[in-house]
Protein backbone atom coordinates (compact mmCIF):
# COMPACT_ATOMS: atom_id res chain seq x y z
CA MET A 1 -4.60 -1.46 -23.50
CA GLY A 2 -5.97 2.02 -23.74
CA TYR A 3 -6.87 3.45 -26.98
CA ALA A 4 -4.62 6.58 -27.22
CA PRO A 5 -1.00 6.70 -28.72
CA ARG A 6 1.39 5.92 -26.63
CA ALA A 7 4.69 6.21 -28.61
CA ALA A 8 5.51 9.77 -27.36
CA LEU A 9 4.48 8.90 -23.70
CA LEU A 10 6.67 5.94 -23.89
CA ALA A 11 10.12 7.75 -24.68
CA THR A 12 9.84 9.04 -21.22
CA ALA A 13 10.17 5.78 -19.54
CA LEU A 14 13.46 5.25 -19.06
CA MET A 15 13.79 8.10 -16.48
CA PHE A 16 11.74 6.30 -14.10
CA GLY A 17 13.72 3.11 -14.44
CA ALA A 18 10.96 1.58 -15.96
CA SER A 19 12.17 -0.12 -19.44
CA ALA A 20 13.19 -3.80 -18.89
CA GLY A 21 16.44 -3.41 -20.22
CA THR A 22 18.86 -6.22 -20.66
CA VAL A 23 20.31 -6.20 -17.26
CA HIS A 24 18.57 -9.01 -15.00
CA ALA A 25 19.09 -9.09 -11.49
CA GLN A 26 20.83 -12.53 -10.22
CA GLY A 27 19.07 -14.10 -13.07
CA SER A 28 15.59 -13.83 -11.91
CA GLY A 29 14.66 -12.49 -15.32
CA LEU A 30 14.00 -8.79 -13.57
CA PRO A 31 15.50 -5.57 -14.38
CA ASP A 32 17.86 -3.93 -11.87
CA GLN A 33 15.07 -1.55 -11.25
CA LEU A 34 11.58 -1.72 -11.50
CA ALA A 35 8.73 0.88 -11.03
CA TRP A 36 5.22 0.47 -9.69
CA THR A 37 2.36 2.74 -9.07
CA ALA A 38 0.37 2.26 -5.78
CA TYR A 39 -2.29 3.84 -3.28
CA ASP A 40 -1.47 6.87 -1.37
CA VAL A 41 1.41 6.66 0.94
CA GLY A 42 -0.35 5.60 4.29
CA SER A 43 -2.70 3.09 2.31
CA SER A 44 -2.21 -0.30 3.23
CA GLY A 45 -1.43 -0.92 -0.61
CA TYR A 46 1.09 1.38 -0.31
CA ASN A 47 2.96 -0.24 2.65
CA GLN A 48 2.60 -3.45 1.36
CA ALA A 49 4.57 -2.28 -2.01
CA VAL A 50 7.26 -0.67 0.10
CA ALA A 51 7.72 -4.31 1.81
CA ILE A 52 7.61 -6.14 -1.27
CA GLY A 53 10.22 -3.68 -2.26
CA GLY A 54 12.34 -4.71 0.42
CA ALA A 55 12.48 -8.51 -0.26
CA LEU A 56 13.14 -7.59 -4.22
CA LYS A 57 15.72 -5.52 -2.87
CA ASN A 58 17.41 -7.89 -0.07
CA LYS A 59 16.76 -11.28 -2.10
CA LEU A 60 17.17 -10.17 -6.17
CA GLY A 61 19.09 -6.78 -5.78
CA VAL A 62 16.15 -5.18 -7.73
CA ASP A 63 15.16 -1.85 -7.00
CA LEU A 64 11.67 -1.19 -6.95
CA ARG A 65 10.57 2.51 -6.74
CA VAL A 66 7.03 3.03 -5.70
CA LEU A 67 5.01 6.08 -7.13
CA PRO A 68 2.20 6.78 -4.87
CA GLY A 69 -1.07 8.02 -6.20
CA LYS A 70 -3.65 9.96 -4.45
CA ASN A 71 -6.40 8.46 -6.88
CA ASP A 72 -7.15 5.94 -10.02
CA VAL A 73 -6.42 8.12 -12.64
CA SER A 74 -3.22 9.16 -11.39
CA ARG A 75 -2.27 5.56 -10.42
CA GLN A 76 -3.18 4.61 -14.08
CA VAL A 77 -1.46 7.31 -16.18
CA PRO A 78 2.18 6.29 -15.57
CA LEU A 79 1.13 2.52 -16.10
CA ARG A 80 -0.56 3.54 -19.70
CA ALA A 81 2.33 5.93 -20.47
CA GLY A 82 5.02 3.37 -19.81
CA LYS A 83 6.46 5.24 -17.10
CA VAL A 84 6.14 2.08 -14.92
CA GLN A 85 5.54 -1.40 -15.63
CA PHE A 86 2.98 -2.52 -13.09
CA SER A 87 1.00 -1.22 -10.77
CA ALA A 88 -0.58 -2.25 -7.30
CA THR A 89 -3.97 -1.04 -7.61
CA GLY A 90 -7.65 -2.00 -6.72
CA VAL A 91 -10.77 -2.36 -8.68
CA GLY A 92 -10.89 1.17 -10.11
CA ALA A 93 -7.87 0.95 -11.81
CA SER A 94 -8.31 -3.05 -12.96
CA TYR A 95 -12.07 -3.90 -12.80
CA MET A 96 -13.57 -0.43 -14.05
CA ALA A 97 -10.71 0.44 -15.82
CA GLN A 98 -11.37 -2.62 -17.87
CA GLU A 99 -15.29 -1.50 -17.94
CA GLY A 100 -14.60 2.10 -19.43
CA ALA A 101 -16.53 3.37 -16.46
CA PHE A 102 -16.33 6.55 -14.80
CA GLU A 103 -13.49 8.39 -14.92
CA PHE A 104 -12.36 5.74 -17.67
CA GLY A 105 -15.73 6.48 -19.59
CA THR A 106 -14.04 9.68 -20.97
CA LYS A 107 -12.45 10.49 -24.57
CA GLN A 108 -9.03 10.38 -22.76
CA TRP A 109 -9.73 6.82 -21.43
CA GLY A 110 -11.86 3.95 -22.66
CA PRO A 111 -11.81 0.62 -21.95
CA GLN A 112 -8.17 -0.40 -20.90
CA GLU A 113 -7.26 -3.63 -21.76
CA VAL A 114 -5.52 -4.57 -18.08
CA ARG A 115 -4.06 -8.21 -16.83
CA VAL A 116 -4.00 -9.28 -13.57
CA LEU A 117 -0.40 -10.86 -12.44
CA VAL A 118 -1.17 -11.81 -9.02
CA ALA A 119 -3.47 -10.43 -6.19
CA SER A 120 -3.89 -10.05 -2.42
CA ASN A 121 -6.47 -12.03 -0.92
CA SER A 122 -5.87 -11.46 2.90
CA ASP A 123 -7.76 -11.74 6.24
CA SER A 124 -8.81 -7.84 5.84
CA ASN A 125 -11.99 -6.39 4.64
CA LEU A 126 -12.42 -3.62 2.18
CA SER A 127 -15.63 -1.11 3.84
CA VAL A 128 -16.69 1.66 4.94
CA GLY A 129 -15.04 2.84 8.14
CA THR A 130 -16.57 5.62 10.34
CA ALA A 131 -15.78 7.97 13.20
CA ALA A 132 -16.51 5.88 16.62
CA ASP A 133 -18.30 9.01 17.81
CA ALA A 134 -20.74 9.75 15.11
CA GLY A 135 -23.20 7.10 16.34
CA ILE A 136 -22.82 5.01 13.49
CA GLU A 137 -24.12 1.19 14.28
CA THR A 138 -25.06 0.13 10.74
CA ILE A 139 -24.80 1.21 7.03
CA ALA A 140 -28.54 2.36 7.16
CA ASP A 141 -27.19 4.87 10.28
CA LEU A 142 -24.99 6.60 7.41
CA LYS A 143 -28.29 8.44 6.43
CA GLY A 144 -27.39 12.24 6.72
CA LYS A 145 -23.98 11.55 7.79
CA ARG A 146 -20.83 13.34 6.18
CA VAL A 147 -19.31 10.65 3.57
CA ALA A 148 -15.91 11.31 2.05
CA TRP A 149 -15.80 11.64 -1.87
CA VAL A 150 -12.66 11.23 -3.37
CA VAL A 151 -12.25 12.99 -6.59
CA GLY A 152 -10.89 11.17 -9.51
CA SER A 153 -11.49 7.77 -7.54
CA PRO A 154 -14.38 5.77 -9.12
CA ALA A 155 -13.22 2.50 -6.99
CA LEU A 156 -13.46 4.33 -3.60
CA ASN A 157 -16.77 6.36 -4.51
CA GLN A 158 -18.68 3.50 -6.10
CA ASN A 159 -17.67 1.15 -3.58
CA ILE A 160 -19.19 3.29 -1.12
CA GLY A 161 -22.13 3.43 -2.89
CA ALA A 162 -22.43 -0.17 -3.34
CA ILE A 163 -22.29 -0.67 0.93
CA LEU A 164 -24.78 2.23 0.99
CA ALA A 165 -27.12 0.57 -1.01
CA PHE A 166 -26.73 -2.77 1.12
CA GLY A 167 -28.21 -0.35 3.86
CA GLY A 168 -30.98 0.93 1.23
CA LEU A 169 -29.26 4.11 0.93
CA THR A 170 -27.57 6.08 -1.99
CA TRP A 171 -25.53 9.01 -2.33
CA ASP A 172 -28.73 11.51 -2.15
CA ASP A 173 -28.77 10.09 1.53
CA VAL A 174 -25.49 11.33 3.16
CA GLU A 175 -23.58 14.51 3.07
CA LYS A 176 -21.05 14.18 0.17
CA VAL A 177 -17.49 15.91 1.39
CA GLU A 178 -15.11 16.02 -1.52
CA PHE A 179 -11.36 15.37 -0.83
CA PRO A 180 -8.23 15.45 -3.26
CA GLY A 181 -7.29 12.01 -2.14
CA PHE A 182 -7.72 9.05 -0.16
CA GLY A 183 -5.37 10.06 2.89
CA ALA A 184 -6.69 13.75 3.05
CA ALA A 185 -10.58 11.77 3.47
CA TRP A 186 -9.21 9.69 6.57
CA GLU A 187 -7.60 12.91 7.48
CA GLY A 188 -10.75 14.64 7.31
CA ILE A 189 -12.53 12.27 9.64
CA VAL A 190 -9.86 12.54 12.20
CA ASN A 191 -10.19 16.52 11.45
CA ASN A 192 -13.91 16.14 11.98
CA GLN A 193 -14.64 17.29 8.49
CA ALA A 194 -16.38 13.99 7.54
CA ASP A 195 -17.50 11.14 9.49
CA ALA A 196 -16.98 8.02 7.45
CA ALA A 197 -14.48 7.17 4.54
CA PHE A 198 -13.89 3.68 2.43
CA ALA A 199 -10.59 1.45 2.99
CA SER A 200 -8.49 -1.72 4.02
CA THR A 201 -9.29 -2.65 7.44
CA THR A 202 -5.40 -2.63 7.51
CA SER A 203 -4.89 0.57 5.96
CA GLY A 204 -2.40 2.76 8.02
CA ARG A 205 -4.95 5.59 7.67
CA ALA A 206 -7.45 3.35 9.73
CA TYR A 207 -4.67 2.86 12.69
CA GLN A 208 -4.66 6.61 12.89
CA LEU A 209 -8.33 7.37 13.21
CA GLU A 210 -8.25 4.69 16.09
CA ALA A 211 -5.84 6.20 17.62
CA SER A 212 -7.28 9.61 17.33
CA PRO A 213 -9.86 11.01 19.69
CA ARG A 214 -12.65 10.31 17.57
CA GLY A 215 -11.91 6.37 17.19
CA LEU A 216 -13.00 4.24 14.64
CA PHE A 217 -16.08 1.57 13.98
CA TRP A 218 -16.42 -0.41 10.94
CA PRO A 219 -20.30 -1.05 10.66
CA PRO A 220 -21.27 -4.53 9.33
CA LEU A 221 -22.59 -5.88 6.34
CA PRO A 222 -24.47 -9.19 8.32
CA HIS A 223 -23.70 -12.23 5.62
CA ASP A 224 -27.46 -13.62 6.44
CA ASP A 225 -28.81 -10.05 5.35
CA LYS A 226 -29.59 -11.54 1.82
CA GLU A 227 -31.82 -8.50 0.06
CA GLY A 228 -28.93 -6.53 1.52
CA TRP A 229 -26.25 -8.84 -0.26
CA GLN A 230 -28.24 -8.64 -3.19
CA ARG A 231 -28.52 -4.79 -3.50
CA LEU A 232 -24.53 -4.87 -3.15
CA LYS A 233 -23.53 -7.53 -5.74
CA ASP A 234 -26.26 -5.63 -8.17
CA ALA A 235 -23.87 -2.51 -7.88
CA ALA A 236 -20.06 -4.21 -7.29
CA PRO A 237 -20.41 -7.88 -8.12
CA PHE A 238 -16.32 -8.30 -7.42
CA PHE A 239 -17.38 -8.02 -3.47
CA LEU A 240 -17.72 -11.26 -1.88
CA PRO A 241 -18.60 -11.83 1.87
CA ASN A 242 -15.61 -12.32 4.19
CA ALA A 243 -15.31 -12.25 8.11
CA ALA A 244 -11.90 -10.14 8.79
CA SER A 245 -9.61 -10.82 11.55
CA GLU A 246 -6.80 -8.26 10.42
CA GLY A 247 -6.81 -4.49 10.83
CA ALA A 248 -7.51 -1.61 13.12
CA THR A 249 -10.17 -2.68 16.24
CA LEU A 250 -10.04 -5.97 14.59
CA SER A 251 -9.15 -9.66 15.83
CA LYS A 252 -9.71 -12.99 15.79
CA GLU A 253 -11.92 -12.76 18.90
CA HIS A 254 -13.66 -9.60 17.43
CA PRO A 255 -13.58 -9.96 13.70
CA HIS A 256 -15.47 -7.94 11.14
CA GLU A 257 -18.25 -9.06 9.30
CA GLY A 258 -18.18 -7.40 5.81
CA ALA A 259 -17.20 -7.57 2.62
CA ALA A 260 -13.86 -7.94 0.33
CA TYR A 261 -12.19 -8.48 -2.93
CA PRO A 262 -8.47 -8.12 -4.15
CA TYR A 263 -6.57 -5.68 -2.76
CA PRO A 264 -4.05 -4.71 -3.93
CA ILE A 265 -4.03 -6.15 -7.46
CA LEU A 266 -0.73 -6.15 -9.13
CA ILE A 267 -1.41 -5.33 -12.88
CA ALA A 268 -0.19 -4.88 -16.32
CA TYR A 269 -0.87 -3.88 -19.55
CA ASP A 270 -1.59 -6.70 -22.09
CA GLU A 271 0.85 -5.87 -24.22
CA GLN A 272 3.55 -5.97 -21.17
CA ASP A 273 6.53 -8.52 -22.37
CA PRO A 274 5.24 -11.44 -20.96
CA ASP A 275 8.87 -12.62 -20.05
CA LEU A 276 9.02 -9.65 -17.87
CA VAL A 277 5.44 -10.30 -16.22
CA TYR A 278 6.30 -14.18 -15.93
CA ALA A 279 9.39 -13.14 -13.72
CA MET A 280 7.65 -10.62 -11.60
CA THR A 281 5.00 -13.16 -11.00
CA LYS A 282 7.61 -15.77 -9.75
CA ALA A 283 9.21 -13.11 -7.56
CA MET A 284 5.93 -12.28 -6.17
CA ILE A 285 5.24 -16.16 -5.05
CA GLU A 286 8.51 -17.33 -4.60
CA LEU A 287 9.35 -14.16 -2.33
CA PHE A 288 6.53 -14.65 -0.43
CA PRO A 289 8.30 -15.75 2.77
CA ALA A 290 10.66 -13.03 2.77
CA TYR A 291 8.04 -10.55 2.67
CA LYS A 292 4.89 -12.21 4.39
CA ASP A 293 5.25 -10.71 7.81
CA ALA A 294 6.34 -7.02 6.91
CA SER A 295 2.90 -5.29 6.87
CA PRO A 296 -0.47 -5.58 7.84
CA GLY A 297 -2.59 -7.95 5.64
CA ILE A 298 0.19 -8.74 2.88
CA ASN A 299 -0.54 -12.33 4.08
CA GLY A 300 -2.96 -12.16 1.29
CA TRP A 301 -0.26 -12.39 -1.74
CA ALA A 302 0.33 -16.39 -1.01
CA LEU A 303 0.15 -18.66 -3.89
CA ASP A 304 -2.76 -20.76 -2.09
CA ARG A 305 -5.05 -17.33 -1.77
CA GLN A 306 -5.63 -16.76 -5.37
CA VAL A 307 -8.48 -16.56 -7.24
CA PHE A 308 -8.11 -17.26 -10.56
CA ASP A 309 -11.74 -16.84 -11.60
CA TRP A 310 -12.45 -13.29 -10.69
CA ALA A 311 -13.79 -10.25 -12.95
CA VAL A 312 -10.16 -9.15 -14.62
CA PRO A 313 -8.21 -11.53 -16.89
CA TYR A 314 -4.60 -12.85 -15.91
CA HIS A 315 -1.84 -12.15 -18.16
CA GLU A 316 -0.40 -14.59 -20.41
CA GLY A 317 3.14 -14.47 -18.48
CA ALA A 318 1.57 -14.73 -15.43
CA ILE A 319 -0.60 -17.78 -16.47
CA ARG A 320 2.96 -19.38 -17.77
CA TYR A 321 3.93 -19.43 -14.07
CA PHE A 322 0.87 -20.87 -12.62
CA LYS A 323 0.80 -23.76 -15.00
CA GLU A 324 4.05 -24.53 -13.95
CA ALA A 325 3.06 -24.40 -10.66
CA GLY A 326 0.37 -26.65 -11.05
CA VAL A 327 -2.55 -24.81 -10.06
CA TRP A 328 -3.96 -23.42 -13.11
CA THR A 329 -6.73 -25.12 -14.72
CA ASP A 330 -8.83 -25.91 -17.87
CA GLU A 331 -11.78 -24.24 -16.30
CA HIS A 332 -9.39 -20.96 -15.40
CA GLN A 333 -8.31 -20.69 -18.77
CA ALA A 334 -12.03 -21.17 -20.17
CA HIS A 335 -12.62 -18.20 -17.73
CA ASN A 336 -10.08 -16.11 -18.38
CA ASP A 337 -10.83 -16.37 -22.34
CA ARG A 338 -14.18 -15.08 -21.93
CA LEU A 339 -12.79 -12.21 -19.63
CA ILE A 340 -10.69 -11.12 -22.76
CA GLU A 341 -13.66 -11.67 -25.29
CA ARG A 342 -15.50 -9.32 -22.99
CA GLN A 343 -12.69 -6.88 -23.10
CA LYS A 344 -12.81 -7.01 -26.87
CA VAL A 345 -16.29 -6.45 -26.94
CA LEU A 346 -15.53 -3.10 -24.95
CA LYS A 347 -12.86 -2.23 -27.06
CA ASP A 348 -15.22 -3.08 -30.49
CA ALA A 349 -18.10 -0.67 -28.60
CA TRP A 350 -15.43 1.86 -27.68
CA ALA A 351 -14.38 2.39 -31.32
CA LYS A 352 -17.76 2.61 -32.68
CA VAL A 353 -18.83 5.53 -30.44
CA MET A 354 -15.63 7.46 -31.06
CA ALA A 355 -15.92 7.05 -35.03
CA GLU A 356 -19.29 9.08 -34.17
CA ASP A 357 -16.85 12.05 -33.35
CA ILE A 358 -19.15 13.33 -30.48
CA ASP A 359 -18.10 16.72 -28.80
CA ASP A 360 -20.49 16.93 -26.04
CA PRO A 361 -19.18 15.22 -22.75
CA ALA A 362 -22.45 14.53 -21.73
CA GLU A 363 -23.86 13.54 -25.31
CA PHE A 364 -20.57 11.26 -25.73
CA LYS A 365 -21.20 9.91 -22.28
CA LYS A 366 -24.85 8.73 -22.89
CA ALA A 367 -23.79 7.24 -26.54
CA TRP A 368 -21.10 5.17 -24.29
CA PHE A 369 -23.06 3.70 -22.16
CA ALA A 370 -25.69 2.70 -24.58
CA THR A 371 -23.68 1.42 -27.12
CA ARG A 372 -21.36 -0.64 -24.39
CA ALA A 373 -24.59 -2.14 -22.75
CA ASP A 374 -26.11 -3.14 -26.12
CA ALA A 375 -22.61 -4.49 -27.24
CA LEU A 376 -22.14 -6.48 -24.06
CA GLU A 377 -25.70 -7.78 -23.73
CA ALA A 378 -25.55 -9.20 -27.49
CA ALA A 379 -22.51 -11.06 -26.52
CA GLY A 380 -24.00 -12.52 -23.37
CA PHE A 381 -22.78 -10.52 -20.61
CA LYS A 382 -23.98 -8.38 -18.30
CA PRO A 383 -23.32 -4.56 -18.86
CA ILE A 384 -23.43 -3.73 -14.40
CA TYR A 385 -22.68 -0.24 -15.53
CA GLN A 386 -25.57 1.71 -17.25
């Protein structure tokens, strides 16, 4: 659950309406007020959260406050502090936070015991979008181009790195242009400060670039390029081949041959009240008909789109609902138990490094990743990040 003291932080939760409280809206098991963090305003994740909030209000009388965050850390801070109950996030604040990697590999964070409630697996892709006038037709063509780096957002930056690997490139092969947030990165392309950035194909920012004088193009990741896909999977095992028909410039007639993973992913910490998680999961699934057409890409939240053997474990409250729905199997439970075991190995490794009381940040990082890799390998897990 994050290994920093939380008592003082939790005391601020009520000001955001984040307490589960005693009043449940229309017998739903949910409080009258909920709060989530989500991606920046204009992102696909933010737009979907707002649409889901509309369904919660109209059907259950629940007010959902959505707090936009420019990067993974800014979305995770309110969740760890108890200021929000849930976060509609991406792989940065779920998978990478679990792993204690990148921004989550500092003394202030460490591996986070996060849990999934439900996730969106839509007909969109998550990839690098480029300005159509930049002359980029393949991933390899990104060499020497200006690529957006979002400060404090390991998901966006490492995902770009993985896609660059598909084309045989690294960040050293491109011109890194730093931006303070996701939205600013895409505005930077429109304003000719950059040529490429990472997003969902259904992101509002992608549609803005499409409508701009520069235009939008999604370089493909051909599914028959086995070597390219091996390089991509080695860097980011959560990606899967996907043909997207939803998003800016895309259609069923003109799909994008690329990659995807669940996004947004609704998460909580392991300690979140199982009854509240159960009620939130139930509402997300059973209210789906009320919000399924409200935003591009939002159809991925449907029950039959859920992937129960992904890379981050599900919360016990969510599992209770999925068992009742008859979709949770013994195989899913075994996979989930193994993921929770991975989190325990990471937690124990983190405690060991913290006990060494290393002051120098560079030395601490070196010690953490060495201890982390040793512990995971000893337990039969792949370190992924070293």
